[in-house]
């Protein structure tokens, strides 16, 4: 649909193209899940959670309340000329968040008139803030590496920094369900 370099500074663009793609080709989907490629997702838990969630104007994940990092050495550096504010709107960690199906086209349309920021989760937050959507925190979206135990992973929605080999091992273990908690 679009042609751009797949780089960290283009992550917001990549996510907006995902929102556009979802709006075009999956317009009837009830929910969208956006994750990094190193995220373990408990499909069963996610489906159960979303089935009981609102189906309009819904955004959920690990909500962060913070402000710009002004240190140029930081991966998350935000120059004042790009974002002069001292606080960001509440945002879901870009490692993984879920949206009701009506939200991606709204975010995409809003992004077209929103000054571009390369921090994807912050850019999405600015768009949903303009839409008057407040993200809902869920403590089982983990944006950090979480040590695997069967019982812990039995209740989580996501875990970050999981290798493909670990994902397969965890999934098989969870699927076999031979443990008691």
C-alpha atoms as a PDB file:
ATOM      1  CA  UNK A   1       0.000   0.000   0.000  1.00  0.00           C
ATOM      2  CA  UNK A   2       2.870   2.360   0.737  1.00  0.00           C
ATOM      3  CA  UNK A   3       6.585   2.505   0.076  1.00  0.00           C
ATOM      4  CA  UNK A   4       8.904   3.543   2.913  1.00  0.00           C
ATOM      5  CA  UNK A   5      12.029   2.334   4.687  1.00  0.00           C
ATOM      6  CA  UNK A   6      11.304   0.017   7.619  1.00  0.00           C
ATOM      7  CA  UNK A   7      13.281   1.910  10.271  1.00  0.00           C
ATOM      8  CA  UNK A   8      12.699   2.887  13.896  1.00  0.00           C
ATOM      9  CA  UNK A   9      12.050   6.511  12.906  1.00  0.00           C
ATOM     10  CA  UNK A  10       9.312   5.270  10.543  1.00  0.00           C
ATOM     11  CA  UNK A  11       7.508   3.154  13.156  1.00  0.00           C
ATOM     12  CA  UNK A  12       4.593   5.591  13.382  1.00  0.00           C
ATOM     13  CA  UNK A  13       4.248   5.508   9.603  1.00  0.00           C
ATOM     14  CA  UNK A  14       4.348   1.698   9.628  1.00  0.00           C
ATOM     15  CA  UNK A  15       1.637   1.588  12.301  1.00  0.00           C
ATOM     16  CA  UNK A  16      -0.532   4.085  10.408  1.00  0.00           C
ATOM     17  CA  UNK A  17      -0.207   1.918   7.307  1.00  0.00           C
ATOM     18  CA  UNK A  18      -1.375  -1.005   9.462  1.00  0.00           C
ATOM     19  CA  UNK A  19      -4.366   1.080  10.568  1.00  0.00           C
ATOM     20  CA  UNK A  20      -5.089   1.967   6.941  1.00  0.00           C
ATOM     21  CA  UNK A  21      -4.734  -1.679   5.862  1.00  0.00           C
ATOM     22  CA  UNK A  22      -7.064  -2.801   8.649  1.00  0.00           C
ATOM     23  CA  UNK A  23      -9.597  -0.147   7.646  1.00  0.00           C
ATOM     24  CA  UNK A  24      -9.458  -1.190   3.996  1.00  0.00           C
ATOM     25  CA  UNK A  25      -9.222  -4.971   4.139  1.00  0.00           C
ATOM     26  CA  UNK A  26     -10.558  -5.915   7.586  1.00  0.00           C
ATOM     27  CA  UNK A  27     -13.239  -3.296   8.114  1.00  0.00           C
ATOM     28  CA  UNK A  28     -15.595  -5.843   9.706  1.00  0.00           C
ATOM     29  CA  UNK A  29     -13.081  -7.009  12.334  1.00  0.00           C
ATOM     30  CA  UNK A  30     -14.303  -6.435  15.878  1.00  0.00           C
ATOM     31  CA  UNK A  31     -10.797  -5.822  17.268  1.00  0.00           C
ATOM     32  CA  UNK A  32      -7.223  -5.197  16.192  1.00  0.00           C
ATOM     33  CA  UNK A  33      -4.142  -6.235  18.135  1.00  0.00           C
ATOM     34  CA  UNK A  34      -0.889  -4.402  17.454  1.00  0.00           C
ATOM     35  CA  UNK A  35       2.264  -5.981  18.876  1.00  0.00           C
ATOM     36  CA  UNK A  36       5.980  -6.033  18.378  1.00  0.00           C
ATOM     37  CA  UNK A  37       7.347  -9.181  16.773  1.00  0.00           C
ATOM     38  CA  UNK A  38       8.959 -10.278  20.034  1.00  0.00           C
ATOM     39  CA  UNK A  39       5.693 -10.350  21.972  1.00  0.00           C
ATOM     40  CA  UNK A  40       4.174 -13.540  23.309  1.00  0.00           C
ATOM     41  CA  UNK A  41       0.389 -13.287  23.078  1.00  0.00           C
ATOM     42  CA  UNK A  42      -1.934 -15.596  24.956  1.00  0.00           C
ATOM     43  CA  UNK A  43      -4.525 -16.021  22.238  1.00  0.00           C
ATOM     44  CA  UNK A  44      -7.021 -17.689  24.562  1.00  0.00           C
ATOM     45  CA  UNK A  45      -6.758 -14.978  27.220  1.00  0.00           C
ATOM     46  CA  UNK A  46      -6.839 -12.180  24.645  1.00  0.00           C
ATOM     47  CA  UNK A  47      -9.969 -13.510  22.941  1.00  0.00           C
ATOM     48  CA  UNK A  48     -11.687 -14.017  26.305  1.00  0.00           C
ATOM     49  CA  UNK A  49     -10.767 -10.501  27.442  1.00  0.00           C
ATOM     50  CA  UNK A  50     -11.801  -8.791  24.209  1.00  0.00           C
ATOM     51  CA  UNK A  51     -15.096 -10.713  24.025  1.00  0.00           C
ATOM     52  CA  UNK A  52     -16.087  -9.021  27.289  1.00  0.00           C
ATOM     53  CA  UNK A  53     -14.757  -5.575  26.276  1.00  0.00           C
ATOM     54  CA  UNK A  54     -16.545  -2.611  24.681  1.00  0.00           C
ATOM     55  CA  UNK A  55     -16.741  -2.875  20.901  1.00  0.00           C
ATOM     56  CA  UNK A  56     -16.511   0.859  20.193  1.00  0.00           C
ATOM     57  CA  UNK A  57     -13.966   3.546  21.090  1.00  0.00           C
ATOM     58  CA  UNK A  58     -11.916   1.007  23.029  1.00  0.00           C
ATOM     59  CA  UNK A  59      -8.126   1.050  23.379  1.00  0.00           C
ATOM     60  CA  UNK A  60      -6.325  -1.077  25.956  1.00  0.00           C
ATOM     61  CA  UNK A  61      -2.823  -2.089  26.908  1.00  0.00           C
ATOM     62  CA  UNK A  62      -0.231  -1.145  29.477  1.00  0.00           C
ATOM     63  CA  UNK A  63      -0.979   2.552  29.916  1.00  0.00           C
ATOM     64  CA  UNK A  64       1.968   4.856  30.555  1.00  0.00           C
ATOM     65  CA  UNK A  65       1.661   8.356  31.971  1.00  0.00           C
ATOM     66  CA  UNK A  66       4.818  10.228  31.218  1.00  0.00           C
ATOM     67  CA  UNK A  67       6.511  13.010  29.408  1.00  0.00           C
ATOM     68  CA  UNK A  68       9.183  13.557  26.816  1.00  0.00           C
ATOM     69  CA  UNK A  69      12.746  12.430  27.403  1.00  0.00           C
ATOM     70  CA  UNK A  70      14.977  15.322  26.432  1.00  0.00           C
ATOM     71  CA  UNK A  71      18.297  13.429  26.524  1.00  0.00           C
ATOM     72  CA  UNK A  72      19.560  13.143  22.908  1.00  0.00           C
ATOM     73  CA  UNK A  73      21.336   9.871  23.791  1.00  0.00           C
ATOM     74  CA  UNK A  74      18.048   8.153  24.640  1.00  0.00           C
ATOM     75  CA  UNK A  75      16.242   5.888  22.165  1.00  0.00           C
ATOM     76  CA  UNK A  76      13.061   7.745  23.184  1.00  0.00           C
ATOM     77  CA  UNK A  77      14.514  11.250  22.810  1.00  0.00           C
ATOM     78  CA  UNK A  78      11.928  13.856  21.887  1.00  0.00           C
ATOM     79  CA  UNK A  79      13.209  17.299  20.856  1.00  0.00           C
ATOM     80  CA  UNK A  80      11.247  20.286  22.167  1.00  0.00           C
ATOM     81  CA  UNK A  81      10.678  21.580  18.652  1.00  0.00           C
ATOM     82  CA  UNK A  82       8.805  18.362  17.762  1.00  0.00           C
ATOM     83  CA  UNK A  83       6.862  18.129  21.025  1.00  0.00           C
ATOM     84  CA  UNK A  84       7.059  21.196  23.271  1.00  0.00           C
ATOM     85  CA  UNK A  85       4.722  19.856  25.968  1.00  0.00           C
ATOM     86  CA  UNK A  86       5.974  18.510  29.289  1.00  0.00           C
ATOM     87  CA  UNK A  87       3.510  15.558  29.372  1.00  0.00           C
ATOM     88  CA  UNK A  88       2.226  13.128  26.772  1.00  0.00           C
ATOM     89  CA  UNK A  89      -1.395  12.063  26.738  1.00  0.00           C
ATOM     90  CA  UNK A  90      -1.740   8.669  28.477  1.00  0.00           C
ATOM     91  CA  UNK A  91      -0.483   6.058  26.018  1.00  0.00           C
ATOM     92  CA  UNK A  92      -0.415   2.306  25.641  1.00  0.00           C
ATOM     93  CA  UNK A  93       3.062   0.862  25.423  1.00  0.00           C
ATOM     94  CA  UNK A  94       3.804   0.266  21.756  1.00  0.00           C
ATOM     95  CA  UNK A  95       4.930  -3.263  22.579  1.00  0.00           C
ATOM     96  CA  UNK A  96       1.297  -4.351  22.416  1.00  0.00           C
ATOM     97  CA  UNK A  97      -2.189  -2.911  22.569  1.00  0.00           C
ATOM     98  CA  UNK A  98      -5.696  -3.790  21.398  1.00  0.00           C
ATOM     99  CA  UNK A  99      -8.315  -1.581  19.771  1.00  0.00           C
ATOM    100  CA  UNK A 100     -11.967  -2.048  18.945  1.00  0.00           C
ATOM    101  CA  UNK A 101     -12.458  -2.349  15.185  1.00  0.00           C
ATOM    102  CA  UNK A 102     -13.953   1.123  14.811  1.00  0.00           C
ATOM    103  CA  UNK A 103     -10.815   2.830  16.147  1.00  0.00           C
ATOM    104  CA  UNK A 104      -8.131   2.099  13.470  1.00  0.00           C
ATOM    105  CA  UNK A 105      -9.862   4.085  10.691  1.00  0.00           C
ATOM    106  CA  UNK A 106     -10.405   6.977  13.103  1.00  0.00           C
ATOM    107  CA  UNK A 107      -6.745   6.935  14.131  1.00  0.00           C
ATOM    108  CA  UNK A 108      -5.607   6.764  10.518  1.00  0.00           C
ATOM    109  CA  UNK A 109      -7.823   9.697   9.470  1.00  0.00           C
ATOM    110  CA  UNK A 110      -6.716  11.731  12.495  1.00  0.00           C
ATOM    111  CA  UNK A 111      -3.056  10.975  11.746  1.00  0.00           C
ATOM    112  CA  UNK A 112      -3.357  12.708   8.379  1.00  0.00           C
ATOM    113  CA  UNK A 113      -3.806  16.066  10.129  1.00  0.00           C
ATOM    114  CA  UNK A 114      -1.490  15.397  13.089  1.00  0.00           C
ATOM    115  CA  UNK A 115       2.168  16.491  13.047  1.00  0.00           C
ATOM    116  CA  UNK A 116       4.298  13.362  12.676  1.00  0.00           C
ATOM    117  CA  UNK A 117       6.180  12.006  15.690  1.00  0.00           C
ATOM    118  CA  UNK A 118       8.464   9.010  15.329  1.00  0.00           C
ATOM    119  CA  UNK A 119       7.594   7.581  18.765  1.00  0.00           C
ATOM    120  CA  UNK A 120       4.754   5.353  17.598  1.00  0.00           C
ATOM    121  CA  UNK A 121       2.978   4.825  20.907  1.00  0.00           C
ATOM    122  CA  UNK A 122       3.044   8.565  21.629  1.00  0.00           C
ATOM    123  CA  UNK A 123       1.841   9.415  18.112  1.00  0.00           C
ATOM    124  CA  UNK A 124      -1.074   6.983  18.466  1.00  0.00           C
ATOM    125  CA  UNK A 125      -1.834   8.501  21.897  1.00  0.00           C
ATOM    126  CA  UNK A 126      -1.996  11.991  20.425  1.00  0.00           C
ATOM    127  CA  UNK A 127      -4.421  10.732  17.777  1.00  0.00           C
ATOM    128  CA  UNK A 128      -6.687   8.953  20.275  1.00  0.00           C
ATOM    129  CA  UNK A 129      -6.526  11.976  22.574  1.00  0.00           C
ATOM    130  CA  UNK A 130      -7.849  14.118  19.695  1.00  0.00           C
ATOM    131  CA  UNK A 131     -10.621  11.529  19.326  1.00  0.00           C
ATOM    132  CA  UNK A 132     -11.442  11.840  23.054  1.00  0.00           C
ATOM    133  CA  UNK A 133     -10.695   8.143  23.605  1.00  0.00           C
ATOM    134  CA  UNK A 134      -9.072   7.303  26.934  1.00  0.00           C
ATOM    135  CA  UNK A 135      -6.905   4.160  26.892  1.00  0.00           C
ATOM    136  CA  UNK A 136      -7.789   1.519  29.483  1.00  0.00           C
ATOM    137  CA  UNK A 137      -4.935   0.006  31.453  1.00  0.00           C
ATOM    138  CA  UNK A 138      -4.770  -3.762  31.774  1.00  0.00           C
ATOM    139  CA  UNK A 139      -2.117  -5.155  34.097  1.00  0.00           C
ATOM    140  CA  UNK A 140      -1.651  -8.345  32.058  1.00  0.00           C
ATOM    141  CA  UNK A 141      -0.141  -6.495  29.086  1.00  0.00           C
ATOM    142  CA  UNK A 142       3.557  -6.708  29.965  1.00  0.00           C
ATOM    143  CA  UNK A 143       6.016  -4.420  28.180  1.00  0.00           C
ATOM    144  CA  UNK A 144       9.025  -6.120  29.732  1.00  0.00           C
ATOM    145  CA  UNK A 145      10.520  -9.586  29.767  1.00  0.00           C
ATOM    146  CA  UNK A 146       8.516 -11.762  32.132  1.00  0.00           C
ATOM    147  CA  UNK A 147      10.072 -14.963  33.444  1.00  0.00           C
ATOM    148  CA  UNK A 148       8.089 -17.949  32.246  1.00  0.00           C
ATOM    149  CA  UNK A 149       6.150 -20.056  34.685  1.00  0.00           C
ATOM    150  CA  UNK A 150       3.098 -21.979  33.578  1.00  0.00           C
ATOM    151  CA  UNK A 151       0.834 -20.420  36.188  1.00  0.00           C
ATOM    152  CA  UNK A 152       1.968 -16.855  35.499  1.00  0.00           C
ATOM    153  CA  UNK A 153       1.617 -17.178  31.719  1.00  0.00           C
ATOM    154  CA  UNK A 154      -1.757 -18.859  32.180  1.00  0.00           C
ATOM    155  CA  UNK A 155      -3.231 -15.454  33.083  1.00  0.00           C
ATOM    156  CA  UNK A 156      -1.189 -12.899  31.090  1.00  0.00           C
ATOM    157  CA  UNK A 157      -2.242 -11.305  27.822  1.00  0.00           C
ATOM    158  CA  UNK A 158       1.223 -10.388  26.496  1.00  0.00           C
ATOM    159  CA  UNK A 159       4.884 -10.630  27.437  1.00  0.00           C
ATOM    160  CA  UNK A 160       7.743  -8.766  25.760  1.00  0.00           C
ATOM    161  CA  UNK A 161      11.210  -9.842  24.591  1.00  0.00           C
ATOM    162  CA  UNK A 162      10.301 -13.473  23.939  1.00  0.00           C
ATOM    163  CA  UNK A 163      12.271 -15.327  21.263  1.00  0.00           C
ATOM    164  CA  UNK A 164      10.480 -17.410  18.599  1.00  0.00           C
ATOM    165  CA  UNK A 165      11.836 -20.593  20.215  1.00  0.00           C
ATOM    166  CA  UNK A 166      10.522 -19.513  23.612  1.00  0.00           C
ATOM    167  CA  UNK A 167       7.143 -18.581  22.123  1.00  0.00           C
ATOM    168  CA  UNK A 168       6.735 -22.039  20.671  1.00  0.00           C
ATOM    169  CA  UNK A 169       7.803 -23.701  23.903  1.00  0.00           C
ATOM    170  CA  UNK A 170       5.473 -21.549  26.023  1.00  0.00           C
ATOM    171  CA  UNK A 171       2.568 -22.035  23.628  1.00  0.00           C
ATOM    172  CA  UNK A 172       3.009 -25.816  23.609  1.00  0.00           C
ATOM    173  CA  UNK A 173       3.248 -25.891  27.385  1.00  0.00           C
ATOM    174  CA  UNK A 174       0.122 -23.745  27.774  1.00  0.00           C
ATOM    175  CA  UNK A 175      -1.751 -25.776  25.166  1.00  0.00           C
ATOM    176  CA  UNK A 176      -0.936 -29.084  26.859  1.00  0.00           C
ATOM    177  CA  UNK A 177      -2.142 -27.696  30.205  1.00  0.00           C
ATOM    178  CA  UNK A 178      -0.553 -30.434  32.319  1.00  0.00           C
ATOM    179  CA  UNK A 179       0.095 -28.222  35.332  1.00  0.00           C
ATOM    180  CA  UNK A 180      -2.029 -27.146  38.258  1.00  0.00           C
ATOM    181  CA  UNK A 181      -1.951 -23.643  39.641  1.00  0.00           C
END
